[in-house]
PDB file of all heavy atoms in Angstrom:
ATOM      1  N   TYR A   1      -5.972 185.504   7.275  1.00  0.00           N
ATOM      2  CA  TYR A   1      -4.640 185.284   7.829  1.00  0.00           C
ATOM      3  C   TYR A   1      -4.173 186.573   8.489  1.00  0.00           C
ATOM      4  O   TYR A   1      -4.356 187.663   7.936  1.00  0.00           O
ATOM      5  CB  TYR A   1      -3.651 184.869   6.735  1.00  0.00           C
ATOM      6  CG  TYR A   1      -4.146 183.703   5.906  1.00  0.00           C
ATOM      7  CD1 TYR A   1      -4.938 183.920   4.774  1.00  0.00           C
ATOM      8  CD2 TYR A   1      -3.840 182.397   6.252  1.00  0.00           C
ATOM      9  CE1 TYR A   1      -5.408 182.867   4.011  1.00  0.00           C
ATOM     10  CE2 TYR A   1      -4.311 181.325   5.496  1.00  0.00           C
ATOM     11  CZ  TYR A   1      -5.093 181.567   4.375  1.00  0.00           C
ATOM     12  OH  TYR A   1      -5.560 180.519   3.622  1.00  0.00           O
ATOM     13  N   ASN A   2      -3.556 186.446   9.648  1.00  0.00           N
ATOM     14  CA  ASN A   2      -3.144 187.613  10.444  1.00  0.00           C
ATOM     15  C   ASN A   2      -1.736 187.318  10.950  1.00  0.00           C
ATOM     16  O   ASN A   2      -1.561 186.630  11.948  1.00  0.00           O
ATOM     17  CB  ASN A   2      -4.132 187.804  11.602  1.00  0.00           C
ATOM     18  CG  ASN A   2      -3.921 189.083  12.371  1.00  0.00           C
ATOM     19  OD1 ASN A   2      -3.152 189.947  11.960  1.00  0.00           O
ATOM     20  ND2 ASN A   2      -4.608 189.208  13.499  1.00  0.00           N
ATOM     21  N   SER A   3      -0.726 187.820  10.240  1.00  0.00           N
ATOM     22  CA  SER A   3       0.642 187.373  10.467  1.00  0.00           C
ATOM     23  C   SER A   3       1.596 188.522  10.774  1.00  0.00           C
ATOM     24  O   SER A   3       1.392 189.647  10.339  1.00  0.00           O
ATOM     25  CB  SER A   3       1.150 186.635   9.218  1.00  0.00           C
ATOM     26  OG  SER A   3       2.526 186.332   9.314  1.00  0.00           O
ATOM     27  N   GLY A   4       2.664 188.180  11.509  1.00  0.00           N
ATOM     28  CA  GLY A   4       3.735 189.132  11.772  1.00  0.00           C
ATOM     29  C   GLY A   4       4.738 189.229  10.644  1.00  0.00           C
ATOM     30  O   GLY A   4       5.690 190.004  10.726  1.00  0.00           O
ATOM     31  N   LEU A   5       4.551 188.453   9.578  1.00  0.00           N
ATOM     32  CA  LEU A   5       5.412 188.604   8.413  1.00  0.00           C
ATOM     33  C   LEU A   5       5.221 189.996   7.824  1.00  0.00           C
ATOM     34  O   LEU A   5       4.174 190.623   7.988  1.00  0.00           O
ATOM     35  CB  LEU A   5       5.073 187.540   7.363  1.00  0.00           C
ATOM     36  CG  LEU A   5       5.437 186.095   7.728  1.00  0.00           C
ATOM     37  CD1 LEU A   5       4.852 185.136   6.701  1.00  0.00           C
ATOM     38  CD2 LEU A   5       6.943 185.915   7.826  1.00  0.00           C
ATOM     39  N   SER A   6       6.236 190.458   7.111  1.00  0.00           N
ATOM     40  CA  SER A   6       6.179 191.816   6.558  1.00  0.00           C
ATOM     41  C   SER A   6       5.527 191.822   5.179  1.00  0.00           C
ATOM     42  O   SER A   6       5.424 190.784   4.509  1.00  0.00           O
ATOM     43  CB  SER A   6       7.583 192.403   6.457  1.00  0.00           C
ATOM     44  OG  SER A   6       8.316 191.754   5.430  1.00  0.00           O
ATOM     45  N   GLU A   7       5.128 192.997   4.769  1.00  0.00           N
ATOM     46  CA  GLU A   7       4.543 193.149   3.441  1.00  0.00           C
ATOM     47  C   GLU A   7       5.526 192.682   2.361  1.00  0.00           C
ATOM     48  O   GLU A   7       5.122 192.095   1.351  1.00  0.00           O
ATOM     49  CB  GLU A   7       4.150 194.605   3.208  1.00  0.00           C
ATOM     50  CG  GLU A   7       3.376 194.859   1.941  1.00  0.00           C
ATOM     51  CD  GLU A   7       2.040 194.126   1.905  1.00  0.00           C
ATOM     52  OE1 GLU A   7       1.388 193.994   2.953  1.00  0.00           O
ATOM     53  OE2 GLU A   7       1.643 193.676   0.798  1.00  0.00           O
ATOM     54  N   GLY A   8       6.816 192.902   2.576  1.00  0.00           N
ATOM     55  CA  GLY A   8       7.820 192.471   1.618  1.00  0.00           C
ATOM     56  C   GLY A   8       7.958 190.959   1.509  1.00  0.00           C
ATOM     57  O   GLY A   8       8.579 190.461   0.564  1.00  0.00           O
ATOM     58  N   GLN A   9       7.387 190.220   2.458  1.00  0.00           N
ATOM     59  CA  GLN A   9       7.452 188.757   2.435  1.00  0.00           C
ATOM     60  C   GLN A   9       6.161 188.122   1.931  1.00  0.00           C
ATOM     61  O   GLN A   9       5.992 186.910   1.987  1.00  0.00           O
ATOM     62  CB  GLN A   9       7.771 188.241   3.844  1.00  0.00           C
ATOM     63  CG  GLN A   9       9.150 188.652   4.325  1.00  0.00           C
ATOM     64  CD  GLN A   9       9.359 188.466   5.818  1.00  0.00           C
ATOM     65  OE1 GLN A   9       8.426 188.629   6.609  1.00  0.00           O
ATOM     66  NE2 GLN A   9      10.579 188.147   6.210  1.00  0.00           N
ATOM     67  N   ARG A  10       5.268 188.956   1.399  1.00  0.00           N
ATOM     68  CA  ARG A  10       3.950 188.469   0.976  1.00  0.00           C
ATOM     69  C   ARG A  10       4.059 187.405  -0.117  1.00  0.00           C
ATOM     70  O   ARG A  10       3.415 186.349  -0.031  1.00  0.00           O
ATOM     71  CB  ARG A  10       3.089 189.635   0.491  1.00  0.00           C
ATOM     72  CG  ARG A  10       1.696 189.199   0.011  1.00  0.00           C
ATOM     73  CD  ARG A  10       0.853 190.395  -0.423  1.00  0.00           C
ATOM     74  NE  ARG A  10       0.522 191.242   0.707  1.00  0.00           N
ATOM     75  CZ  ARG A  10      -0.487 191.028   1.550  1.00  0.00           C
ATOM     76  NH1 ARG A  10      -1.273 189.967   1.379  1.00  0.00           N
ATOM     77  NH2 ARG A  10      -0.718 191.867   2.531  1.00  0.00           N
ATOM     78  N   ALA A  11       4.829 187.675  -1.158  1.00  0.00           N
ATOM     79  CA  ALA A  11       4.902 186.736  -2.282  1.00  0.00           C
ATOM     80  C   ALA A  11       5.397 185.370  -1.823  1.00  0.00           C
ATOM     81  O   ALA A  11       4.879 184.330  -2.252  1.00  0.00           O
ATOM     82  CB  ALA A  11       5.820 187.292  -3.379  1.00  0.00           C
ATOM     83  N   ALA A  12       6.393 185.345  -0.946  1.00  0.00           N
ATOM     84  CA  ALA A  12       6.924 184.082  -0.448  1.00  0.00           C
ATOM     85  C   ALA A  12       5.900 183.365   0.411  1.00  0.00           C
ATOM     86  O   ALA A  12       5.754 182.135   0.333  1.00  0.00           O
ATOM     87  CB  ALA A  12       8.203 184.332   0.347  1.00  0.00           C
ATOM     88  N   ALA A  13       5.178 184.119   1.244  1.00  0.00           N
ATOM     89  CA  ALA A  13       4.157 183.506   2.095  1.00  0.00           C
ATOM     90  C   ALA A  13       3.058 182.869   1.252  1.00  0.00           C
ATOM     91  O   ALA A  13       2.624 181.741   1.520  1.00  0.00           O
ATOM     92  CB  ALA A  13       3.569 184.548   3.040  1.00  0.00           C
ATOM     93  N   VAL A  14       2.610 183.572   0.245  1.00  0.00           N
ATOM     94  CA  VAL A  14       1.563 183.040  -0.638  1.00  0.00           C
ATOM     95  C   VAL A  14       2.055 181.783  -1.343  1.00  0.00           C
ATOM     96  O   VAL A  14       1.352 180.757  -1.388  1.00  0.00           O
ATOM     97  CB  VAL A  14       1.129 184.106  -1.657  1.00  0.00           C
ATOM     98  CG1 VAL A  14       0.244 183.486  -2.736  1.00  0.00           C
ATOM     99  CG2 VAL A  14       0.385 185.243  -0.964  1.00  0.00           C
ATOM    100  N   ALA A  15       3.278 181.840  -1.886  1.00  0.00           N
ATOM    101  CA  ALA A  15       3.817 180.681  -2.601  1.00  0.00           C
ATOM    102  C   ALA A  15       3.955 179.475  -1.682  1.00  0.00           C
ATOM    103  O   ALA A  15       3.637 178.345  -2.068  1.00  0.00           O
ATOM    104  CB  ALA A  15       5.174 181.046  -3.211  1.00  0.00           C
ATOM    105  N   ASN A  16       4.419 179.703  -0.456  1.00  0.00           N
ATOM    106  CA  ASN A  16       4.617 178.607   0.487  1.00  0.00           C
ATOM    107  C   ASN A  16       3.278 178.004   0.917  1.00  0.00           C
ATOM    108  O   ASN A  16       3.134 176.771   1.015  1.00  0.00           O
ATOM    109  CB  ASN A  16       5.402 179.099   1.687  1.00  0.00           C
ATOM    110  CG  ASN A  16       6.202 178.019   2.387  1.00  0.00           C
ATOM    111  OD1 ASN A  16       7.201 178.287   3.055  1.00  0.00           O
ATOM    112  ND2 ASN A  16       5.800 176.772   2.266  1.00  0.00           N
ATOM    113  N   LEU A  17       2.283 178.851   1.179  1.00  0.00           N
ATOM    114  CA  LEU A  17       0.973 178.338   1.581  1.00  0.00           C
ATOM    115  C   LEU A  17       0.329 177.538   0.449  1.00  0.00           C
ATOM    116  O   LEU A  17      -0.302 176.501   0.692  1.00  0.00           O
ATOM    117  CB  LEU A  17       0.071 179.489   2.015  1.00  0.00           C
ATOM    118  CG  LEU A  17       0.445 180.131   3.356  1.00  0.00           C
ATOM    119  CD1 LEU A  17      -0.329 181.417   3.575  1.00  0.00           C
ATOM    120  CD2 LEU A  17       0.204 179.162   4.514  1.00  0.00           C
ATOM    121  N   LYS A  18       0.510 177.990  -0.784  1.00  0.00           N
ATOM    122  CA  LYS A  18       0.006 177.217  -1.916  1.00  0.00           C
ATOM    123  C   LYS A  18       0.698 175.858  -1.986  1.00  0.00           C
ATOM    124  O   LYS A  18       0.063 174.832  -2.244  1.00  0.00           O
ATOM    125  CB  LYS A  18       0.231 177.988  -3.219  1.00  0.00           C
ATOM    126  CG  LYS A  18      -0.696 179.157  -3.428  1.00  0.00           C
ATOM    127  CD  LYS A  18      -0.424 179.830  -4.764  1.00  0.00           C
ATOM    128  CE  LYS A  18      -1.398 180.973  -5.018  1.00  0.00           C
ATOM    129  NZ  LYS A  18      -1.138 181.639  -6.323  1.00  0.00           N
ATOM    130  N   LYS A  19       1.998 175.849  -1.746  1.00  0.00           N
ATOM    131  CA  LYS A  19       2.783 174.623  -1.847  1.00  0.00           C
ATOM    132  C   LYS A  19       2.324 173.557  -0.854  1.00  0.00           C
ATOM    133  O   LYS A  19       2.322 172.367  -1.158  1.00  0.00           O
ATOM    134  CB  LYS A  19       4.269 174.936  -1.641  1.00  0.00           C
ATOM    135  CG  LYS A  19       5.198 173.762  -1.849  1.00  0.00           C
ATOM    136  CD  LYS A  19       6.657 174.181  -1.663  1.00  0.00           C
ATOM    137  CE  LYS A  19       7.125 175.116  -2.737  1.00  0.00           C
ATOM    138  NZ  LYS A  19       8.581 175.383  -2.645  1.00  0.00           N
ATOM    139  N   VAL A  20       1.907 173.991   0.357  1.00  0.00           N
ATOM    140  CA  VAL A  20       1.496 173.017   1.371  1.00  0.00           C
ATOM    141  C   VAL A  20      -0.001 172.713   1.317  1.00  0.00           C
ATOM    142  O   VAL A  20      -0.498 171.910   2.110  1.00  0.00           O
ATOM    143  CB  VAL A  20       1.879 173.483   2.797  1.00  0.00           C
ATOM    144  CG1 VAL A  20       3.378 173.698   2.901  1.00  0.00           C
ATOM    145  CG2 VAL A  20       1.113 174.732   3.215  1.00  0.00           C
ATOM    146  N   GLY A  21      -0.727 173.362   0.410  1.00  0.00           N
ATOM    147  CA  GLY A  21      -2.138 173.037   0.241  1.00  0.00           C
ATOM    148  C   GLY A  21      -3.110 173.942   0.964  1.00  0.00           C
ATOM    149  O   GLY A  21      -4.299 173.646   1.032  1.00  0.00           O
ATOM    150  N   ALA A  22      -2.609 175.050   1.504  1.00  0.00           N
ATOM    151  CA  ALA A  22      -3.502 176.024   2.151  1.00  0.00           C
ATOM    152  C   ALA A  22      -3.827 177.136   1.154  1.00  0.00           C
ATOM    153  O   ALA A  22      -3.640 178.326   1.427  1.00  0.00           O
ATOM    154  CB  ALA A  22      -2.846 176.592   3.404  1.00  0.00           C
ATOM    155  N   ASP A  23      -4.314 176.746   0.013  1.00  0.00           N
ATOM    156  CA  ASP A  23      -4.554 177.689  -1.085  1.00  0.00           C
ATOM    157  C   ASP A  23      -5.982 178.216  -1.021  1.00  0.00           C
ATOM    158  O   ASP A  23      -6.820 177.928  -1.870  1.00  0.00           O
ATOM    159  CB  ASP A  23      -4.283 176.996  -2.421  1.00  0.00           C
ATOM    160  CG  ASP A  23      -4.256 177.971  -3.582  1.00  0.00           C
ATOM    161  OD1 ASP A  23      -4.398 179.181  -3.344  1.00  0.00           O
ATOM    162  OD2 ASP A  23      -4.106 177.521  -4.740  1.00  0.00           O
ATOM    163  N   VAL A  24      -6.250 178.988   0.023  1.00  0.00           N
ATOM    164  CA  VAL A  24      -7.584 179.533   0.251  1.00  0.00           C
ATOM    165  C   VAL A  24      -7.459 181.016   0.606  1.00  0.00           C
ATOM    166  O   VAL A  24      -6.747 181.381   1.552  1.00  0.00           O
ATOM    167  CB  VAL A  24      -8.304 178.801   1.408  1.00  0.00           C
ATOM    168  CG1 VAL A  24      -9.665 179.441   1.684  1.00  0.00           C
ATOM    169  CG2 VAL A  24      -8.461 177.321   1.101  1.00  0.00           C
ATOM    170  N   ASN A  25      -8.086 181.886  -0.180  1.00  0.00           N
ATOM    171  CA  ASN A  25      -8.152 183.319   0.128  1.00  0.00           C
ATOM    172  C   ASN A  25      -6.766 183.931   0.406  1.00  0.00           C
ATOM    173  O   ASN A  25      -6.554 184.586   1.425  1.00  0.00           O
ATOM    174  CB  ASN A  25      -9.045 183.565   1.353  1.00  0.00           C
ATOM    175  CG  ASN A  25     -10.494 183.226   1.084  1.00  0.00           C
ATOM    176  OD1 ASN A  25     -10.886 182.959  -0.049  1.00  0.00           O
ATOM    177  ND2 ASN A  25     -11.305 183.214   2.129  1.00  0.00           N
ATOM    178  N   LEU A  26      -5.847 183.745  -0.517  1.00  0.00           N
ATOM    179  CA  LEU A  26      -4.489 184.261  -0.328  1.00  0.00           C
ATOM    180  C   LEU A  26      -4.297 185.648  -0.935  1.00  0.00           C
ATOM    181  O   LEU A  26      -3.163 186.080  -1.156  1.00  0.00           O
ATOM    182  CB  LEU A  26      -3.467 183.273  -0.923  1.00  0.00           C
ATOM    183  CG  LEU A  26      -3.476 181.882  -0.273  1.00  0.00           C
ATOM    184  CD1 LEU A  26      -2.445 180.981  -0.938  1.00  0.00           C
ATOM    185  CD2 LEU A  26      -3.212 181.978   1.226  1.00  0.00           C
ATOM    186  N   ASP A  27      -5.390 186.361  -1.165  1.00  0.00           N
ATOM    187  CA  ASP A  27      -5.330 187.720  -1.699  1.00  0.00           C
ATOM    188  C   ASP A  27      -5.094 188.715  -0.569  1.00  0.00           C
ATOM    189  O   ASP A  27      -5.201 188.391   0.621  1.00  0.00           O
ATOM    190  CB  ASP A  27      -6.640 188.046  -2.415  1.00  0.00           C
ATOM    191  CG  ASP A  27      -7.840 187.868  -1.491  1.00  0.00           C
ATOM    192  OD1 ASP A  27      -8.269 186.708  -1.287  1.00  0.00           O
ATOM    193  OD2 ASP A  27      -8.314 188.875  -0.934  1.00  0.00           O
ATOM    194  N   ALA A  28      -4.772 189.947  -0.940  1.00  0.00           N
ATOM    195  CA  ALA A  28      -4.451 190.988   0.047  1.00  0.00           C
ATOM    196  C   ALA A  28      -5.638 191.352   0.928  1.00  0.00           C
ATOM    197  O   ALA A  28      -5.457 191.871   2.034  1.00  0.00           O
ATOM    198  CB  ALA A  28      -3.944 192.244  -0.674  1.00  0.00           C
ATOM    199  N   GLY A  29      -6.848 191.087   0.473  1.00  0.00           N
ATOM    200  CA  GLY A  29      -8.022 191.376   1.277  1.00  0.00           C
ATOM    201  C   GLY A  29      -8.266 190.382   2.396  1.00  0.00           C
ATOM    202  O   GLY A  29      -9.091 190.629   3.279  1.00  0.00           O
ATOM    203  N   HIS A  30      -7.556 189.257   2.352  1.00  0.00           N
ATOM    204  CA  HIS A  30      -7.716 188.231   3.381  1.00  0.00           C
ATOM    205  C   HIS A  30      -6.435 187.944   4.149  1.00  0.00           C
ATOM    206  O   HIS A  30      -6.493 187.382   5.238  1.00  0.00           O
ATOM    207  CB  HIS A  30      -8.209 186.918   2.754  1.00  0.00           C
ATOM    208  CG  HIS A  30      -9.619 186.974   2.268  1.00  0.00           C
ATOM    209  ND1 HIS A  30      -9.962 187.468   1.034  1.00  0.00           N
ATOM    210  CD2 HIS A  30     -10.792 186.594   2.859  1.00  0.00           C
ATOM    211  CE1 HIS A  30     -11.275 187.390   0.873  1.00  0.00           C
ATOM    212  NE2 HIS A  30     -11.807 186.875   1.968  1.00  0.00           N
ATOM    213  N   MET A  31      -5.288 188.285   3.589  1.00  0.00           N
ATOM    214  CA  MET A  31      -4.016 188.049   4.263  1.00  0.00           C
ATOM    215  C   MET A  31      -3.451 189.377   4.751  1.00  0.00           C
ATOM    216  O   MET A  31      -3.011 190.210   3.966  1.00  0.00           O
ATOM    217  CB  MET A  31      -3.005 187.367   3.343  1.00  0.00           C
ATOM    218  CG  MET A  31      -1.678 187.063   4.038  1.00  0.00           C
ATOM    219  SD  MET A  31      -0.434 186.361   2.932  1.00  0.00           S
ATOM    220  CE  MET A  31      -1.135 184.741   2.661  1.00  0.00           C
ATOM    221  N   PHE A  32      -3.470 189.561   6.067  1.00  0.00           N
ATOM    222  CA  PHE A  32      -2.992 190.798   6.677  1.00  0.00           C
ATOM    223  C   PHE A  32      -1.560 190.608   7.184  1.00  0.00           C
ATOM    224  O   PHE A  32      -1.300 189.759   8.037  1.00  0.00           O
ATOM    225  CB  PHE A  32      -3.917 191.211   7.817  1.00  0.00           C
ATOM    226  CG  PHE A  32      -5.319 191.517   7.359  1.00  0.00           C
ATOM    227  CD1 PHE A  32      -6.322 190.561   7.442  1.00  0.00           C
ATOM    228  CD2 PHE A  32      -5.631 192.757   6.810  1.00  0.00           C
ATOM    229  CE1 PHE A  32      -7.605 190.827   7.010  1.00  0.00           C
ATOM    230  CE2 PHE A  32      -6.917 193.037   6.375  1.00  0.00           C
ATOM    231  CZ  PHE A  32      -7.911 192.078   6.472  1.00  0.00           C
ATOM    232  N   LEU A  33      -0.639 191.400   6.629  1.00  0.00           N
ATOM    233  CA  LEU A  33       0.764 191.380   7.015  1.00  0.00           C
ATOM    234  C   LEU A  33       1.165 192.767   7.504  1.00  0.00           C
ATOM    235  O   LEU A  33       0.470 193.754   7.261  1.00  0.00           O
ATOM    236  CB  LEU A  33       1.641 190.976   5.820  1.00  0.00           C
ATOM    237  CG  LEU A  33       1.279 189.671   5.111  1.00  0.00           C
ATOM    238  CD1 LEU A  33       2.258 189.415   3.962  1.00  0.00           C
ATOM    239  CD2 LEU A  33       1.278 188.495   6.073  1.00  0.00           C
ATOM    240  N   LYS A  34       2.286 192.850   8.183  1.00  0.00           N
ATOM    241  CA  LYS A  34       2.750 194.137   8.703  1.00  0.00           C
ATOM    242  C   LYS A  34       3.269 195.019   7.565  1.00  0.00           C
ATOM    243  O   LYS A  34       4.166 194.619   6.826  1.00  0.00           O
ATOM    244  CB  LYS A  34       3.852 193.941   9.735  1.00  0.00           C
ATOM    245  CG  LYS A  34       3.352 193.490  11.091  1.00  0.00           C
ATOM    246  CD  LYS A  34       4.481 193.458  12.098  1.00  0.00           C
ATOM    247  CE  LYS A  34       3.969 193.058  13.489  1.00  0.00           C
ATOM    248  NZ  LYS A  34       5.058 192.992  14.477  1.00  0.00           N
ATOM    249  N   ASP A  35       2.693 196.190   7.450  1.00  0.00           N
ATOM    250  CA  ASP A  35       3.132 197.175   6.459  1.00  0.00           C
ATOM    251  C   ASP A  35       3.515 198.447   7.204  1.00  0.00           C
ATOM    252  O   ASP A  35       2.718 199.365   7.355  1.00  0.00           O
ATOM    253  CB  ASP A  35       2.023 197.445   5.444  1.00  0.00           C
ATOM    254  CG  ASP A  35       2.484 198.316   4.282  1.00  0.00           C
ATOM    255  OD1 ASP A  35       3.638 198.802   4.329  1.00  0.00           O
ATOM    256  OD2 ASP A  35       1.698 198.500   3.339  1.00  0.00           O
ATOM    257  N   LYS A  36       4.751 198.486   7.695  1.00  0.00           N
ATOM    258  CA  LYS A  36       5.178 199.608   8.532  1.00  0.00           C
ATOM    259  C   LYS A  36       5.313 200.900   7.738  1.00  0.00           C
ATOM    260  O   LYS A  36       5.179 201.991   8.304  1.00  0.00           O
ATOM    261  CB  LYS A  36       6.501 199.260   9.215  1.00  0.00           C
ATOM    262  CG  LYS A  36       6.372 198.165  10.252  1.00  0.00           C
ATOM    263  CD  LYS A  36       7.674 197.958  11.015  1.00  0.00           C
ATOM    264  CE  LYS A  36       7.500 196.921  12.118  1.00  0.00           C
ATOM    265  NZ  LYS A  36       8.733 196.729  12.917  1.00  0.00           N
ATOM    266  N   ALA A  37       5.564 200.797   6.450  1.00  0.00           N
ATOM    267  CA  ALA A  37       5.702 202.009   5.637  1.00  0.00           C
ATOM    268  C   ALA A  37       4.354 202.643   5.344  1.00  0.00           C
ATOM    269  O   ALA A  37       4.259 203.859   5.154  1.00  0.00           O
ATOM    270  CB  ALA A  37       6.419 201.670   4.334  1.00  0.00           C
ATOM    271  N   ASN A  38       3.314 201.833   5.318  1.00  0.00           N
ATOM    272  CA  ASN A  38       1.979 202.337   4.991  1.00  0.00           C
ATOM    273  C   ASN A  38       0.936 201.587   5.811  1.00  0.00           C
ATOM    274  O   ASN A  38       0.118 200.826   5.280  1.00  0.00           O
ATOM    275  CB  ASN A  38       1.704 202.173   3.489  1.00  0.00           C
ATOM    276  CG  ASN A  38       0.413 202.832   3.062  1.00  0.00           C
ATOM    277  OD1 ASN A  38      -0.021 203.830   3.644  1.00  0.00           O
ATOM    278  ND2 ASN A  38      -0.221 202.267   2.047  1.00  0.00           N
TER     279      ASN A  38
END
């Protein structure tokens, strides 16, 4: 996953994707979000 969502929105993104059935590789090594602080 390659998203413009922020690192602070990770937990919500994971929860929402699980809810709709896209529960595949939702770990930090596969879901890339914007981390402007680091």
